[in-house]
Amino acid sequence: MANHKSALKRNRQSQVRRMRNRANSSRMKTAIKAVDAAIEAQSVDGAQAALKAVIPIIDRVAVKGVLHKKNASRKVSRLTRRVNAFVASVQAQA
């Protein structure tokens, strides 16, 4: 455990940042799960709406430094590809 005044402060700051990062990360993961749930439920409108909602959340997490910007870009790209493939498969069946 830290003993110096500055080290105690740094520890407090780290804990606050850790909790903030975890909250942002959790918010992002929950939004991504909403996209997955919409695809599982075979809901085209739901999947597209969930994707539209998750993209700004992922971008915000990247800006805040929780996620690297290329990692965020990769997540958005893969989610978009997955939703587009799902929509195409549903339209092909119809």
PDB file of N, CA and C in Angstrom:
ATOM      1  N   MET A   1       0.849  -1.186   0.000  1.00  0.00           N
ATOM      2  CA  MET A   1       0.000   0.000   0.000  1.00  0.00           C
ATOM      3  C   MET A   1       0.887   1.239   0.000  1.00  0.00           C
ATOM      4  N   ALA A   2       0.406   2.265  -0.668  1.00  0.00           N
ATOM      5  CA  ALA A   2       1.158   3.520  -0.771  1.00  0.00           C
ATOM      6  C   ALA A   2       1.178   4.238   0.578  1.00  0.00           C
ATOM      7  N   ASN A   3       2.297   4.889   0.855  1.00  0.00           N
ATOM      8  CA  ASN A   3       2.427   5.619   2.113  1.00  0.00           C
ATOM      9  C   ASN A   3       2.601   7.118   1.909  1.00  0.00           C
ATOM     10  N   HIS A   4       3.270   7.523   0.834  1.00  0.00           N
ATOM     11  CA  HIS A   4       3.475   8.953   0.596  1.00  0.00           C
ATOM     12  C   HIS A   4       2.171   9.597   0.160  1.00  0.00           C
ATOM     13  N   LYS A   5       2.066  10.886   0.479  1.00  0.00           N
ATOM     14  CA  LYS A   5       0.851  11.625   0.164  1.00  0.00           C
ATOM     15  C   LYS A   5       0.554  11.589  -1.332  1.00  0.00           C
ATOM     16  N   SER A   6       1.566  11.796  -2.154  1.00  0.00           N
ATOM     17  CA  SER A   6       1.370  11.807  -3.605  1.00  0.00           C
ATOM     18  C   SER A   6       0.994  10.415  -4.111  1.00  0.00           C
ATOM     19  N   ALA A   7       1.561   9.374  -3.513  1.00  0.00           N
ATOM     20  CA  ALA A   7       1.245   8.010  -3.930  1.00  0.00           C
ATOM     21  C   ALA A   7      -0.181   7.638  -3.531  1.00  0.00           C
ATOM     22  N   LEU A   8      -0.634   8.129  -2.374  1.00  0.00           N
ATOM     23  CA  LEU A   8      -2.014   7.886  -1.951  1.00  0.00           C
ATOM     24  C   LEU A   8      -2.986   8.550  -2.925  1.00  0.00           C
ATOM     25  N   LYS A   9      -2.650   9.783  -3.312  1.00  0.00           N
ATOM     26  CA  LYS A   9      -3.498  10.497  -4.269  1.00  0.00           C
ATOM     27  C   LYS A   9      -3.526   9.763  -5.610  1.00  0.00           C
ATOM     28  N   ARG A  10      -2.365   9.340  -6.066  1.00  0.00           N
ATOM     29  CA  ARG A  10      -2.287   8.621  -7.339  1.00  0.00           C
ATOM     30  C   ARG A  10      -3.115   7.338  -7.283  1.00  0.00           C
ATOM     31  N   ASN A  11      -3.112   6.662  -6.152  1.00  0.00           N
ATOM     32  CA  ASN A  11      -3.900   5.448  -5.977  1.00  0.00           C
ATOM     33  C   ASN A  11      -5.396   5.761  -6.061  1.00  0.00           C
ATOM     34  N   ARG A  12      -5.812   6.857  -5.411  1.00  0.00           N
ATOM     35  CA  ARG A  12      -7.220   7.256  -5.477  1.00  0.00           C
ATOM     36  C   ARG A  12      -7.615   7.582  -6.916  1.00  0.00           C
ATOM     37  N   GLN A  13      -6.760   8.313  -7.609  1.00  0.00           N
ATOM     38  CA  GLN A  13      -7.058   8.679  -8.990  1.00  0.00           C
ATOM     39  C   GLN A  13      -7.162   7.432  -9.876  1.00  0.00           C
ATOM     40  N   SER A  14      -6.269   6.493  -9.648  1.00  0.00           N
ATOM     41  CA  SER A  14      -6.279   5.263 -10.448  1.00  0.00           C
ATOM     42  C   SER A  14      -7.571   4.484 -10.225  1.00  0.00           C
ATOM     43  N   GLN A  15      -8.028   4.435  -8.980  1.00  0.00           N
ATOM     44  CA  GLN A  15      -9.253   3.705  -8.690  1.00  0.00           C
ATOM     45  C   GLN A  15     -10.459   4.370  -9.338  1.00  0.00           C
ATOM     46  N   VAL A  16     -10.502   5.703  -9.313  1.00  0.00           N
ATOM     47  CA  VAL A  16     -11.610   6.428  -9.937  1.00  0.00           C
ATOM     48  C   VAL A  16     -11.595   6.191 -11.439  1.00  0.00           C
ATOM     49  N   ARG A  17     -10.428   6.274 -12.047  1.00  0.00           N
ATOM     50  CA  ARG A  17     -10.318   6.065 -13.493  1.00  0.00           C
ATOM     51  C   ARG A  17     -10.680   4.628 -13.866  1.00  0.00           C
ATOM     52  N   ARG A  18     -10.244   3.675 -13.030  1.00  0.00           N
ATOM     53  CA  ARG A  18     -10.547   2.277 -13.300  1.00  0.00           C
ATOM     54  C   ARG A  18     -12.055   2.041 -13.301  1.00  0.00           C
ATOM     55  N   MET A  19     -12.750   2.608 -12.330  1.00  0.00           N
ATOM     56  CA  MET A  19     -14.198   2.437 -12.266  1.00  0.00           C
ATOM     57  C   MET A  19     -14.885   3.113 -13.456  1.00  0.00           C
ATOM     58  N   ARG A  20     -14.380   4.275 -13.847  1.00  0.00           N
ATOM     59  CA  ARG A  20     -14.952   4.978 -14.998  1.00  0.00           C
ATOM     60  C   ARG A  20     -14.724   4.174 -16.272  1.00  0.00           C
ATOM     61  N   ASN A  21     -13.519   3.625 -16.422  1.00  0.00           N
ATOM     62  CA  ASN A  21     -13.206   2.819 -17.606  1.00  0.00           C
ATOM     63  C   ASN A  21     -14.063   1.556 -17.646  1.00  0.00           C
ATOM     64  N   ARG A  22     -14.240   0.932 -16.480  1.00  0.00           N
ATOM     65  CA  ARG A  22     -15.058  -0.280 -16.429  1.00  0.00           C
ATOM     66  C   ARG A  22     -16.501   0.024 -16.795  1.00  0.00           C
ATOM     67  N   ALA A  23     -17.014   1.175 -16.342  1.00  0.00           N
ATOM     68  CA  ALA A  23     -18.394   1.551 -16.662  1.00  0.00           C
ATOM     69  C   ALA A  23     -18.546   1.775 -18.162  1.00  0.00           C
ATOM     70  N   ASN A  24     -17.594   2.480 -18.754  1.00  0.00           N
ATOM     71  CA  ASN A  24     -17.655   2.728 -20.194  1.00  0.00           C
ATOM     72  C   ASN A  24     -17.531   1.431 -20.985  1.00  0.00           C
ATOM     73  N   SER A  25     -16.623   0.567 -20.563  1.00  0.00           N
ATOM     74  CA  SER A  25     -16.435  -0.714 -21.229  1.00  0.00           C
ATOM     75  C   SER A  25     -17.685  -1.580 -21.124  1.00  0.00           C
ATOM     76  N   SER A  26     -18.296  -1.574 -19.958  1.00  0.00           N
ATOM     77  CA  SER A  26     -19.505  -2.349 -19.739  1.00  0.00           C
ATOM     78  C   SER A  26     -20.648  -1.827 -20.602  1.00  0.00           C
ATOM     79  N   ARG A  27     -20.762  -0.508 -20.704  1.00  0.00           N
ATOM     80  CA  ARG A  27     -21.799   0.098 -21.536  1.00  0.00           C
ATOM     81  C   ARG A  27     -21.624  -0.338 -23.000  1.00  0.00           C
ATOM     82  N   MET A  28     -20.374  -0.359 -23.442  1.00  0.00           N
ATOM     83  CA  MET A  28     -20.092  -0.763 -24.811  1.00  0.00           C
ATOM     84  C   MET A  28     -20.449  -2.240 -25.025  1.00  0.00           C
ATOM     85  N   LYS A  29     -20.033  -3.101 -24.111  1.00  0.00           N
ATOM     86  CA  LYS A  29     -20.304  -4.527 -24.255  1.00  0.00           C
ATOM     87  C   LYS A  29     -21.800  -4.815 -24.251  1.00  0.00           C
ATOM     88  N   THR A  30     -22.551  -4.099 -23.412  1.00  0.00           N
ATOM     89  CA  THR A  30     -23.997  -4.283 -23.356  1.00  0.00           C
ATOM     90  C   THR A  30     -24.640  -3.888 -24.672  1.00  0.00           C
ATOM     91  N   ALA A  31     -24.161  -2.783 -25.259  1.00  0.00           N
ATOM     92  CA  ALA A  31     -24.704  -2.330 -26.541  1.00  0.00           C
ATOM     93  C   ALA A  31     -24.394  -3.335 -27.646  1.00  0.00           C
ATOM     94  N   ILE A  32     -23.199  -3.916 -27.606  1.00  0.00           N
ATOM     95  CA  ILE A  32     -22.830  -4.924 -28.604  1.00  0.00           C
ATOM     96  C   ILE A  32     -23.716  -6.164 -28.443  1.00  0.00           C
ATOM     97  N   LYS A  33     -24.000  -6.538 -27.197  1.00  0.00           N
ATOM     98  CA  LYS A  33     -24.876  -7.686 -26.959  1.00  0.00           C
ATOM     99  C   LYS A  33     -26.283  -7.425 -27.470  1.00  0.00           C
ATOM    100  N   ALA A  34     -26.714  -6.156 -27.467  1.00  0.00           N
ATOM    101  CA  ALA A  34     -28.034  -5.817 -28.008  1.00  0.00           C
ATOM    102  C   ALA A  34     -28.081  -6.078 -29.509  1.00  0.00           C
ATOM    103  N   VAL A  35     -26.983  -5.795 -30.207  1.00  0.00           N
ATOM    104  CA  VAL A  35     -26.914  -6.100 -31.639  1.00  0.00           C
ATOM    105  C   VAL A  35     -26.996  -7.609 -31.840  1.00  0.00           C
ATOM    106  N   ASP A  36     -26.234  -8.356 -31.057  1.00  0.00           N
ATOM    107  CA  ASP A  36     -26.258  -9.817 -31.162  1.00  0.00           C
ATOM    108  C   ASP A  36     -27.659 -10.375 -30.883  1.00  0.00           C
ATOM    109  N   ALA A  37     -28.325  -9.824 -29.875  1.00  0.00           N
ATOM    110  CA  ALA A  37     -29.658 -10.286 -29.515  1.00  0.00           C
ATOM    111  C   ALA A  37     -30.656 -10.013 -30.636  1.00  0.00           C
ATOM    112  N   ALA A  38     -30.521  -8.860 -31.285  1.00  0.00           N
ATOM    113  CA  ALA A  38     -31.426  -8.524 -32.387  1.00  0.00           C
ATOM    114  C   ALA A  38     -31.212  -9.474 -33.565  1.00  0.00           C
ATOM    115  N   ILE A  39     -29.953  -9.829 -33.817  1.00  0.00           N
ATOM    116  CA  ILE A  39     -29.674 -10.776 -34.902  1.00  0.00           C
ATOM    117  C   ILE A  39     -30.243 -12.159 -34.554  1.00  0.00           C
ATOM    118  N   GLU A  40     -30.071 -12.569 -33.310  1.00  0.00           N
ATOM    119  CA  GLU A  40     -30.612 -13.860 -32.864  1.00  0.00           C
ATOM    120  C   GLU A  40     -32.130 -13.896 -32.985  1.00  0.00           C
ATOM    121  N   ALA A  41     -32.770 -12.743 -32.706  1.00  0.00           N
ATOM    122  CA  ALA A  41     -34.227 -12.663 -32.754  1.00  0.00           C
ATOM    123  C   ALA A  41     -34.749 -12.485 -34.176  1.00  0.00           C
ATOM    124  N   GLN A  42     -33.829 -12.474 -35.168  1.00  0.00           N
ATOM    125  CA  GLN A  42     -34.201 -12.310 -36.570  1.00  0.00           C
ATOM    126  C   GLN A  42     -34.940 -10.998 -36.823  1.00  0.00           C
ATOM    127  N   SER A  43     -34.530  -9.942 -36.117  1.00  0.00           N
ATOM    128  CA  SER A  43     -35.163  -8.632 -36.253  1.00  0.00           C
ATOM    129  C   SER A  43     -34.252  -7.708 -37.058  1.00  0.00           C
ATOM    130  N   VAL A  44     -34.623  -7.460 -38.315  1.00  0.00           N
ATOM    131  CA  VAL A  44     -33.806  -6.612 -39.182  1.00  0.00           C
ATOM    132  C   VAL A  44     -33.792  -5.176 -38.665  1.00  0.00           C
ATOM    133  N   ASP A  45     -34.977  -4.637 -38.365  1.00  0.00           N
ATOM    134  CA  ASP A  45     -35.049  -3.259 -37.872  1.00  0.00           C
ATOM    135  C   ASP A  45     -34.339  -3.119 -36.534  1.00  0.00           C
ATOM    136  N   GLY A  46     -34.506  -4.106 -35.678  1.00  0.00           N
ATOM    137  CA  GLY A  46     -33.852  -4.066 -34.372  1.00  0.00           C
ATOM    138  C   GLY A  46     -32.342  -4.110 -34.484  1.00  0.00           C
ATOM    139  N   ALA A  47     -31.846  -4.943 -35.391  1.00  0.00           N
ATOM    140  CA  ALA A  47     -30.393  -5.051 -35.574  1.00  0.00           C
ATOM    141  C   ALA A  47     -29.818  -3.755 -36.122  1.00  0.00           C
ATOM    142  N   GLN A  48     -30.503  -3.166 -37.102  1.00  0.00           N
ATOM    143  CA  GLN A  48     -30.011  -1.915 -37.675  1.00  0.00           C
ATOM    144  C   GLN A  48     -30.074  -0.775 -36.661  1.00  0.00           C
ATOM    145  N   ALA A  49     -31.138  -0.733 -35.864  1.00  0.00           N
ATOM    146  CA  ALA A  49     -31.261   0.303 -34.838  1.00  0.00           C
ATOM    147  C   ALA A  49     -30.201   0.125 -33.747  1.00  0.00           C
ATOM    148  N   ALA A  50     -29.968  -1.124 -33.352  1.00  0.00           N
ATOM    149  CA  ALA A  50     -28.957  -1.387 -32.326  1.00  0.00           C
ATOM    150  C   ALA A  50     -27.565  -1.041 -32.839  1.00  0.00           C
ATOM    151  N   LEU A  51     -27.303  -1.324 -34.112  1.00  0.00           N
ATOM    152  CA  LEU A  51     -26.010  -0.972 -34.703  1.00  0.00           C
ATOM    153  C   LEU A  51     -25.829   0.539 -34.728  1.00  0.00           C
ATOM    154  N   LYS A  52     -26.882   1.239 -35.102  1.00  0.00           N
ATOM    155  CA  LYS A  52     -26.816   2.706 -35.148  1.00  0.00           C
ATOM    156  C   LYS A  52     -26.582   3.286 -33.750  1.00  0.00           C
ATOM    157  N   ALA A  53     -27.070   2.593 -32.727  1.00  0.00           N
ATOM    158  CA  ALA A  53     -26.873   3.066 -31.352  1.00  0.00           C
ATOM    159  C   ALA A  53     -25.489   2.710 -30.820  1.00  0.00           C
ATOM    160  N   VAL A  54     -24.926   1.580 -31.242  1.00  0.00           N
ATOM    161  CA  VAL A  54     -23.660   1.116 -30.671  1.00  0.00           C
ATOM    162  C   VAL A  54     -22.448   1.832 -31.268  1.00  0.00           C
ATOM    163  N   ILE A  55     -22.532   2.289 -32.505  1.00  0.00           N
ATOM    164  CA  ILE A  55     -21.367   2.920 -33.143  1.00  0.00           C
ATOM    165  C   ILE A  55     -20.894   4.156 -32.382  1.00  0.00           C
ATOM    166  N   PRO A  56     -21.780   5.088 -31.996  1.00  0.00           N
ATOM    167  CA  PRO A  56     -21.287   6.243 -31.228  1.00  0.00           C
ATOM    168  C   PRO A  56     -20.732   5.854 -29.857  1.00  0.00           C
ATOM    169  N   ILE A  57     -21.280   4.805 -29.272  1.00  0.00           N
ATOM    170  CA  ILE A  57     -20.783   4.365 -27.959  1.00  0.00           C
ATOM    171  C   ILE A  57     -19.360   3.846 -28.097  1.00  0.00           C
ATOM    172  N   ILE A  58     -19.108   3.039 -29.124  1.00  0.00           N
ATOM    173  CA  ILE A  58     -17.758   2.509 -29.344  1.00  0.00           C
ATOM    174  C   ILE A  58     -16.789   3.648 -29.626  1.00  0.00           C
ATOM    175  N   ASP A  59     -17.214   4.605 -30.450  1.00  0.00           N
ATOM    176  CA  ASP A  59     -16.349   5.743 -30.766  1.00  0.00           C
ATOM    177  C   ASP A  59     -16.035   6.561 -29.512  1.00  0.00           C
ATOM    178  N   ARG A  60     -17.022   6.747 -28.653  1.00  0.00           N
ATOM    179  CA  ARG A  60     -16.826   7.515 -27.430  1.00  0.00           C
ATOM    180  C   ARG A  60     -15.850   6.796 -26.492  1.00  0.00           C
ATOM    181  N   VAL A  61     -15.961   5.479 -26.412  1.00  0.00           N
ATOM    182  CA  VAL A  61     -15.050   4.701 -25.577  1.00  0.00           C
ATOM    183  C   VAL A  61     -13.615   4.836 -26.092  1.00  0.00           C
ATOM    184  N   ALA A  62     -13.456   4.864 -27.414  1.00  0.00           N
ATOM    185  CA  ALA A  62     -12.124   5.011 -28.001  1.00  0.00           C
ATOM    186  C   ALA A  62     -11.555   6.395 -27.713  1.00  0.00           C
ATOM    187  N   VAL A  63     -12.389   7.427 -27.811  1.00  0.00           N
ATOM    188  CA  VAL A  63     -11.932   8.794 -27.538  1.00  0.00           C
ATOM    189  C   VAL A  63     -11.495   8.934 -26.079  1.00  0.00           C
ATOM    190  N   LYS A  64     -12.189   8.251 -25.198  1.00  0.00           N
ATOM    191  CA  LYS A  64     -11.862   8.336 -23.773  1.00  0.00           C
ATOM    192  C   LYS A  64     -10.645   7.512 -23.400  1.00  0.00           C
ATOM    193  N   GLY A  65     -10.132   6.719 -24.336  1.00  0.00           N
ATOM    194  CA  GLY A  65      -8.899   5.988 -24.094  1.00  0.00           C
ATOM    195  C   GLY A  65      -9.078   4.611 -23.501  1.00  0.00           C
ATOM    196  N   VAL A  66     -10.309   4.143 -23.386  1.00  0.00           N
ATOM    197  CA  VAL A  66     -10.547   2.807 -22.855  1.00  0.00           C
ATOM    198  C   VAL A  66     -10.153   1.764 -23.899  1.00  0.00           C
ATOM    199  N   LEU A  67     -10.332   2.124 -25.165  1.00  0.00           N
ATOM    200  CA  LEU A  67     -10.080   1.234 -26.284  1.00  0.00           C
ATOM    201  C   LEU A  67      -9.203   1.984 -27.281  1.00  0.00           C
ATOM    202  N   HIS A  68      -8.304   1.281 -27.927  1.00  0.00           N
ATOM    203  CA  HIS A  68      -7.488   1.914 -28.973  1.00  0.00           C
ATOM    204  C   HIS A  68      -8.389   2.233 -30.163  1.00  0.00           C
ATOM    205  N   LYS A  69      -8.088   3.318 -30.873  1.00  0.00           N
ATOM    206  CA  LYS A  69      -8.981   3.746 -31.956  1.00  0.00           C
ATOM    207  C   LYS A  69      -9.069   2.716 -33.071  1.00  0.00           C
ATOM    208  N   LYS A  70      -7.982   1.980 -33.329  1.00  0.00           N
ATOM    209  CA  LYS A  70      -8.046   0.952 -34.372  1.00  0.00           C
ATOM    210  C   LYS A  70      -8.849  -0.255 -33.894  1.00  0.00           C
ATOM    211  N   ASN A  71      -8.775  -0.551 -32.613  1.00  0.00           N
ATOM    212  CA  ASN A  71      -9.583  -1.628 -32.046  1.00  0.00           C
ATOM    213  C   ASN A  71     -11.067  -1.264 -32.164  1.00  0.00           C
ATOM    214  N   ALA A  72     -11.388  -0.003 -31.866  1.00  0.00           N
ATOM    215  CA  ALA A  72     -12.771   0.458 -31.978  1.00  0.00           C
ATOM    216  C   ALA A  72     -13.241   0.392 -33.421  1.00  0.00           C
ATOM    217  N   SER A  73     -12.389   0.822 -34.329  1.00  0.00           N
ATOM    218  CA  SER A  73     -12.733   0.788 -35.746  1.00  0.00           C
ATOM    219  C   SER A  73     -12.983  -0.644 -36.208  1.00  0.00           C
ATOM    220  N   ARG A  74     -12.160  -1.571 -35.745  1.00  0.00           N
ATOM    221  CA  ARG A  74     -12.315  -2.980 -36.099  1.00  0.00           C
ATOM    222  C   ARG A  74     -13.640  -3.531 -35.561  1.00  0.00           C
ATOM    223  N   LYS A  75     -13.988  -3.163 -34.324  1.00  0.00           N
ATOM    224  CA  LYS A  75     -15.254  -3.621 -33.755  1.00  0.00           C
ATOM    225  C   LYS A  75     -16.439  -3.108 -34.569  1.00  0.00           C
ATOM    226  N   VAL A  76     -16.405  -1.827 -34.926  1.00  0.00           N
ATOM    227  CA  VAL A  76     -17.492  -1.236 -35.701  1.00  0.00           C
ATOM    228  C   VAL A  76     -17.591  -1.919 -37.054  1.00  0.00           C
ATOM    229  N   SER A  77     -16.445  -2.135 -37.687  1.00  0.00           N
ATOM    230  CA  SER A  77     -16.433  -2.758 -39.007  1.00  0.00           C
ATOM    231  C   SER A  77     -17.015  -4.162 -38.949  1.00  0.00           C
ATOM    232  N   ARG A  78     -16.602  -4.938 -37.986  1.00  0.00           N
ATOM    233  CA  ARG A  78     -17.076  -6.324 -37.892  1.00  0.00           C
ATOM    234  C   ARG A  78     -18.562  -6.385 -37.566  1.00  0.00           C
ATOM    235  N   LEU A  79     -19.020  -5.493 -36.670  1.00  0.00           N
ATOM    236  CA  LEU A  79     -20.446  -5.464 -36.353  1.00  0.00           C
ATOM    237  C   LEU A  79     -21.262  -5.074 -37.582  1.00  0.00           C
ATOM    238  N   THR A  80     -20.772  -4.078 -38.311  1.00  0.00           N
ATOM    239  CA  THR A  80     -21.479  -3.618 -39.499  1.00  0.00           C
ATOM    240  C   THR A  80     -21.557  -4.728 -40.542  1.00  0.00           C
ATOM    241  N   ARG A  81     -20.430  -5.421 -40.744  1.00  0.00           N
ATOM    242  CA  ARG A  81     -20.420  -6.532 -41.702  1.00  0.00           C
ATOM    243  C   ARG A  81     -21.403  -7.620 -41.281  1.00  0.00           C
ATOM    244  N   ARG A  82     -21.446  -7.905 -39.978  1.00  0.00           N
ATOM    245  CA  ARG A  82     -22.331  -8.954 -39.483  1.00  0.00           C
ATOM    246  C   ARG A  82     -23.804  -8.576 -39.691  1.00  0.00           C
ATOM    247  N   VAL A  83     -24.137  -7.318 -39.380  1.00  0.00           N
ATOM    248  CA  VAL A  83     -25.525  -6.871 -39.548  1.00  0.00           C
ATOM    249  C   VAL A  83     -25.891  -6.847 -41.033  1.00  0.00           C
ATOM    250  N   ASN A  84     -24.984  -6.351 -41.870  1.00  0.00           N
ATOM    251  CA  ASN A  84     -25.269  -6.311 -43.309  1.00  0.00           C
ATOM    252  C   ASN A  84     -25.445  -7.716 -43.887  1.00  0.00           C
ATOM    253  N   ALA A  85     -24.630  -8.661 -43.439  1.00  0.00           N
ATOM    254  CA  ALA A  85     -24.770 -10.038 -43.906  1.00  0.00           C
ATOM    255  C   ALA A  85     -26.108 -10.635 -43.440  1.00  0.00           C
ATOM    256  N   PHE A  86     -26.483 -10.326 -42.211  1.00  0.00           N
ATOM    257  CA  PHE A  86     -27.767 -10.814 -41.691  1.00  0.00           C
ATOM    258  C   PHE A  86     -28.931 -10.247 -42.492  1.00  0.00           C
ATOM    259  N   VAL A  87     -28.885  -8.930 -42.772  1.00  0.00           N
ATOM    260  CA  VAL A  87     -29.949  -8.292 -43.544  1.00  0.00           C
ATOM    261  C   VAL A  87     -30.017  -8.881 -44.949  1.00  0.00           C
ATOM    262  N   ALA A  88     -28.862  -9.107 -45.556  1.00  0.00           N
ATOM    263  CA  ALA A  88     -28.835  -9.678 -46.904  1.00  0.00           C
ATOM    264  C   ALA A  88     -29.415 -11.100 -46.912  1.00  0.00           C
ATOM    265  N   SER A  89     -29.103 -11.877 -45.879  1.00  0.00           N
ATOM    266  CA  SER A  89     -29.614 -13.251 -45.834  1.00  0.00           C
ATOM    267  C   SER A  89     -31.134 -13.265 -45.620  1.00  0.00           C
ATOM    268  N   VAL A  90     -31.623 -12.333 -44.834  1.00  0.00           N
ATOM    269  CA  VAL A  90     -33.079 -12.264 -44.609  1.00  0.00           C
ATOM    270  C   VAL A  90     -33.773 -11.825 -45.896  1.00  0.00           C
ATOM    271  N   GLN A  91     -33.193 -10.867 -46.600  1.00  0.00           N
ATOM    272  CA  GLN A  91     -33.803 -10.409 -47.845  1.00  0.00           C
ATOM    273  C   GLN A  91     -33.728 -11.486 -48.930  1.00  0.00           C
ATOM    274  N   ALA A  92     -32.680 -12.291 -48.916  1.00  0.00           N
ATOM    275  CA  ALA A  92     -32.552 -13.361 -49.904  1.00  0.00           C
ATOM    276  C   ALA A  92     -33.603 -14.448 -49.670  1.00  0.00           C
ATOM    277  N   GLN A  93     -33.954 -14.662 -48.412  1.00  0.00           N
ATOM    278  CA  GLN A  93     -34.970 -15.674 -48.084  1.00  0.00           C
ATOM    279  C   GLN A  93     -36.361 -15.198 -48.482  1.00  0.00           C
ATOM    280  N   ALA A  94     -36.575 -13.887 -48.431  1.00  0.00           N
ATOM    281  CA  ALA A  94     -37.909 -13.341 -48.737  1.00  0.00           C
ATOM    282  C   ALA A  94     -38.222 -13.309 -50.206  1.00  0.00           C
TER     283      ALA A  94
END
